[in-house]
PDB file of N, CA and C in Angstrom:
ATOM      1  N   MET A   1      11.168  -6.623 -27.058  1.00  0.00           N
ATOM      2  CA  MET A   1      10.955  -6.690 -25.629  1.00  0.00           C
ATOM      3  C   MET A   1      10.285  -8.020 -25.295  1.00  0.00           C
ATOM      4  N   SER A   2      10.962  -8.832 -24.536  1.00  0.00           N
ATOM      5  CA  SER A   2      10.403 -10.133 -24.182  1.00  0.00           C
ATOM      6  C   SER A   2       9.889 -10.101 -22.747  1.00  0.00           C
ATOM      7  N   THR A   3       8.910 -10.930 -22.485  1.00  0.00           N
ATOM      8  CA  THR A   3       8.372 -11.017 -21.125  1.00  0.00           C
ATOM      9  C   THR A   3       8.894 -12.281 -20.477  1.00  0.00           C
ATOM     10  N   ASP A   4       9.209 -12.171 -19.210  1.00  0.00           N
ATOM     11  CA  ASP A   4       9.715 -13.300 -18.448  1.00  0.00           C
ATOM     12  C   ASP A   4       8.529 -14.047 -17.833  1.00  0.00           C
ATOM     13  N   PRO A   5       8.374 -15.329 -18.147  1.00  0.00           N
ATOM     14  CA  PRO A   5       7.220 -16.068 -17.617  1.00  0.00           C
ATOM     15  C   PRO A   5       7.255 -16.235 -16.098  1.00  0.00           C
ATOM     16  N   ASP A   6       8.441 -16.085 -15.484  1.00  0.00           N
ATOM     17  CA  ASP A   6       8.553 -16.226 -14.036  1.00  0.00           C
ATOM     18  C   ASP A   6       8.114 -14.972 -13.292  1.00  0.00           C
ATOM     19  N   LYS A   7       8.036 -13.842 -13.974  1.00  0.00           N
ATOM     20  CA  LYS A   7       7.625 -12.604 -13.325  1.00  0.00           C
ATOM     21  C   LYS A   7       6.106 -12.549 -13.252  1.00  0.00           C
ATOM     22  N   HIS A   8       5.627 -11.966 -12.162  1.00  0.00           N
ATOM     23  CA  HIS A   8       4.190 -11.774 -12.024  1.00  0.00           C
ATOM     24  C   HIS A   8       3.939 -10.457 -11.303  1.00  0.00           C
ATOM     25  N   SER A   9       2.741  -9.997 -11.391  1.00  0.00           N
ATOM     26  CA  SER A   9       2.374  -8.717 -10.805  1.00  0.00           C
ATOM     27  C   SER A   9       2.385  -8.809  -9.287  1.00  0.00           C
ATOM     28  N   TRP A  10       2.718  -7.695  -8.628  1.00  0.00           N
ATOM     29  CA  TRP A  10       2.788  -7.690  -7.167  1.00  0.00           C
ATOM     30  C   TRP A  10       1.434  -7.958  -6.536  1.00  0.00           C
ATOM     31  N   HIS A  11       0.358  -7.550  -7.174  1.00  0.00           N
ATOM     32  CA  HIS A  11      -0.943  -7.757  -6.536  1.00  0.00           C
ATOM     33  C   HIS A  11      -1.408  -9.200  -6.623  1.00  0.00           C
ATOM     34  N   ASP A  12      -0.689 -10.040  -7.359  1.00  0.00           N
ATOM     35  CA  ASP A  12      -1.007 -11.472  -7.343  1.00  0.00           C
ATOM     36  C   ASP A  12      -0.597 -12.109  -6.016  1.00  0.00           C
ATOM     37  N   ASP A  13       0.271 -11.424  -5.249  1.00  0.00           N
ATOM     38  CA  ASP A  13       0.744 -11.949  -3.972  1.00  0.00           C
ATOM     39  C   ASP A  13      -0.165 -11.572  -2.808  1.00  0.00           C
ATOM     40  N   THR A  14      -1.138 -10.708  -3.035  1.00  0.00           N
ATOM     41  CA  THR A  14      -2.045 -10.336  -1.953  1.00  0.00           C
ATOM     42  C   THR A  14      -2.972 -11.504  -1.644  1.00  0.00           C
ATOM     43  N   PRO A  15      -3.533 -11.533  -0.423  1.00  0.00           N
ATOM     44  CA  PRO A  15      -4.424 -12.641  -0.074  1.00  0.00           C
ATOM     45  C   PRO A  15      -5.588 -12.804  -1.044  1.00  0.00           C
ATOM     46  N   SER A  16      -6.067 -11.719  -1.577  1.00  0.00           N
ATOM     47  CA  SER A  16      -7.159 -11.772  -2.548  1.00  0.00           C
ATOM     48  C   SER A  16      -6.801 -10.846  -3.711  1.00  0.00           C
ATOM     49  N   PRO A  17      -6.161 -11.362  -4.757  1.00  0.00           N
ATOM     50  CA  PRO A  17      -5.666 -10.519  -5.850  1.00  0.00           C
ATOM     51  C   PRO A  17      -6.723  -9.633  -6.498  1.00  0.00           C
ATOM     52  N   ARG A  18      -7.989 -10.014  -6.424  1.00  0.00           N
ATOM     53  CA  ARG A  18      -9.032  -9.189  -7.041  1.00  0.00           C
ATOM     54  C   ARG A  18      -9.224  -7.871  -6.293  1.00  0.00           C
ATOM     55  N   HIS A  19      -8.817  -7.829  -5.015  1.00  0.00           N
ATOM     56  CA  HIS A  19      -9.065  -6.657  -4.179  1.00  0.00           C
ATOM     57  C   HIS A  19      -7.790  -5.866  -3.894  1.00  0.00           C
ATOM     58  N   TRP A  20      -6.844  -5.869  -4.821  1.00  0.00           N
ATOM     59  CA  TRP A  20      -5.567  -5.202  -4.572  1.00  0.00           C
ATOM     60  C   TRP A  20      -5.730  -3.702  -4.423  1.00  0.00           C
ATOM     61  N   LYS A  21      -6.734  -3.112  -5.055  1.00  0.00           N
ATOM     62  CA  LYS A  21      -6.958  -1.665  -4.902  1.00  0.00           C
ATOM     63  C   LYS A  21      -7.383  -1.352  -3.470  1.00  0.00           C
ATOM     64  N   GLY A  22      -8.172  -2.205  -2.895  1.00  0.00           N
ATOM     65  CA  GLY A  22      -8.593  -2.013  -1.507  1.00  0.00           C
ATOM     66  C   GLY A  22      -7.419  -2.109  -0.551  1.00  0.00           C
ATOM     67  N   TYR A  23      -6.554  -3.092  -0.759  1.00  0.00           N
ATOM     68  CA  TYR A  23      -5.369  -3.226   0.082  1.00  0.00           C
ATOM     69  C   TYR A  23      -4.480  -1.991  -0.039  1.00  0.00           C
ATOM     70  N   THR A  24      -4.330  -1.469  -1.241  1.00  0.00           N
ATOM     71  CA  THR A  24      -3.522  -0.275  -1.445  1.00  0.00           C
ATOM     72  C   THR A  24      -4.149   0.920  -0.741  1.00  0.00           C
ATOM     73  N   ALA A  25      -5.450   1.064  -0.836  1.00  0.00           N
ATOM     74  CA  ALA A  25      -6.145   2.174  -0.179  1.00  0.00           C
ATOM     75  C   ALA A  25      -5.988   2.091   1.339  1.00  0.00           C
ATOM     76  N   ILE A  26      -6.136   0.903   1.895  1.00  0.00           N
ATOM     77  CA  ILE A  26      -5.978   0.728   3.342  1.00  0.00           C
ATOM     78  C   ILE A  26      -4.565   1.083   3.775  1.00  0.00           C
ATOM     79  N   LYS A  27      -3.571   0.666   3.015  1.00  0.00           N
ATOM     80  CA  LYS A  27      -2.182   0.986   3.354  1.00  0.00           C
ATOM     81  C   LYS A  27      -1.938   2.492   3.303  1.00  0.00           C
ATOM     82  N   LEU A  28      -2.510   3.163   2.311  1.00  0.00           N
ATOM     83  CA  LEU A  28      -2.350   4.614   2.219  1.00  0.00           C
ATOM     84  C   LEU A  28      -3.032   5.320   3.390  1.00  0.00           C
ATOM     85  N   ILE A  29      -4.202   4.865   3.774  1.00  0.00           N
ATOM     86  CA  ILE A  29      -4.902   5.467   4.912  1.00  0.00           C
ATOM     87  C   ILE A  29      -4.091   5.293   6.187  1.00  0.00           C
ATOM     88  N   ILE A  30      -3.550   4.103   6.410  1.00  0.00           N
ATOM     89  CA  ILE A  30      -2.737   3.860   7.601  1.00  0.00           C
ATOM     90  C   ILE A  30      -1.493   4.737   7.588  1.00  0.00           C
ATOM     91  N   LEU A  31      -0.861   4.880   6.435  1.00  0.00           N
ATOM     92  CA  LEU A  31       0.323   5.727   6.322  1.00  0.00           C
ATOM     93  C   LEU A  31      -0.017   7.185   6.634  1.00  0.00           C
ATOM     94  N   ILE A  32      -1.116   7.680   6.101  1.00  0.00           N
ATOM     95  CA  ILE A  32      -1.529   9.068   6.353  1.00  0.00           C
ATOM     96  C   ILE A  32      -1.850   9.272   7.833  1.00  0.00           C
ATOM     97  N   LEU A  33      -2.550   8.332   8.448  1.00  0.00           N
ATOM     98  CA  LEU A  33      -2.863   8.446   9.870  1.00  0.00           C
ATOM     99  C   LEU A  33      -1.591   8.432  10.714  1.00  0.00           C
ATOM    100  N   ALA A  34      -0.629   7.591  10.357  1.00  0.00           N
ATOM    101  CA  ALA A  34       0.634   7.545  11.093  1.00  0.00           C
ATOM    102  C   ALA A  34       1.385   8.871  10.962  1.00  0.00           C
ATOM    103  N   LEU A  35       1.392   9.440   9.762  1.00  0.00           N
ATOM    104  CA  LEU A  35       2.057  10.734   9.565  1.00  0.00           C
ATOM    105  C   LEU A  35       1.358  11.837  10.358  1.00  0.00           C
ATOM    106  N   LEU A  36       0.022  11.851  10.341  1.00  0.00           N
ATOM    107  CA  LEU A  36      -0.716  12.849  11.113  1.00  0.00           C
ATOM    108  C   LEU A  36      -0.446  12.705  12.614  1.00  0.00           C
ATOM    109  N   LEU A  37      -0.396  11.494  13.110  1.00  0.00           N
ATOM    110  CA  LEU A  37      -0.096  11.254  14.515  1.00  0.00           C
ATOM    111  C   LEU A  37       1.305  11.740  14.851  1.00  0.00           C
ATOM    112  N   ALA A  38       2.269  11.446  13.999  1.00  0.00           N
ATOM    113  CA  ALA A  38       3.645  11.893  14.241  1.00  0.00           C
ATOM    114  C   ALA A  38       3.733  13.409  14.252  1.00  0.00           C
ATOM    115  N   VAL A  39       3.083  14.059  13.310  1.00  0.00           N
ATOM    116  CA  VAL A  39       3.090  15.517  13.261  1.00  0.00           C
ATOM    117  C   VAL A  39       2.408  16.098  14.491  1.00  0.00           C
ATOM    118  N   TYR A  40       1.325  15.488  14.921  1.00  0.00           N
ATOM    119  CA  TYR A  40       0.608  15.948  16.109  1.00  0.00           C
ATOM    120  C   TYR A  40       1.481  15.807  17.364  1.00  0.00           C
ATOM    121  N   LEU A  41       2.154  14.670  17.488  1.00  0.00           N
ATOM    122  CA  LEU A  41       2.993  14.434  18.663  1.00  0.00           C
ATOM    123  C   LEU A  41       4.208  15.348  18.694  1.00  0.00           C
ATOM    124  N   VAL A  42       4.726  15.722  17.546  1.00  0.00           N
ATOM    125  CA  VAL A  42       5.863  16.637  17.482  1.00  0.00           C
ATOM    126  C   VAL A  42       5.403  18.054  17.814  1.00  0.00           C
ATOM    127  N   GLY A  43       4.148  18.345  17.582  1.00  0.00           N
ATOM    128  CA  GLY A  43       3.601  19.645  17.925  1.00  0.00           C
ATOM    129  C   GLY A  43       3.468  20.595  16.748  1.00  0.00           C
ATOM    130  N   LEU A  44       3.525  20.094  15.554  1.00  0.00           N
ATOM    131  CA  LEU A  44       3.420  20.946  14.374  1.00  0.00           C
ATOM    132  C   LEU A  44       1.982  21.093  13.893  1.00  0.00           C
ATOM    133  N   LEU A  45       1.076  20.371  14.513  1.00  0.00           N
ATOM    134  CA  LEU A  45      -0.327  20.420  14.064  1.00  0.00           C
ATOM    135  C   LEU A  45      -1.206  20.907  15.192  1.00  0.00           C
TER     136      LEU A  45
END
């Protein structure tokens, strides 16, 4: 199995690669809030 030197991790593309876990957490929170809002507006909640 060889590694391609041109490939890099996705979190290297974030504005601050050291904080990629924080960016992921924020994205998940926004996604959950959007889903809750959609469910609320549809009337299922």
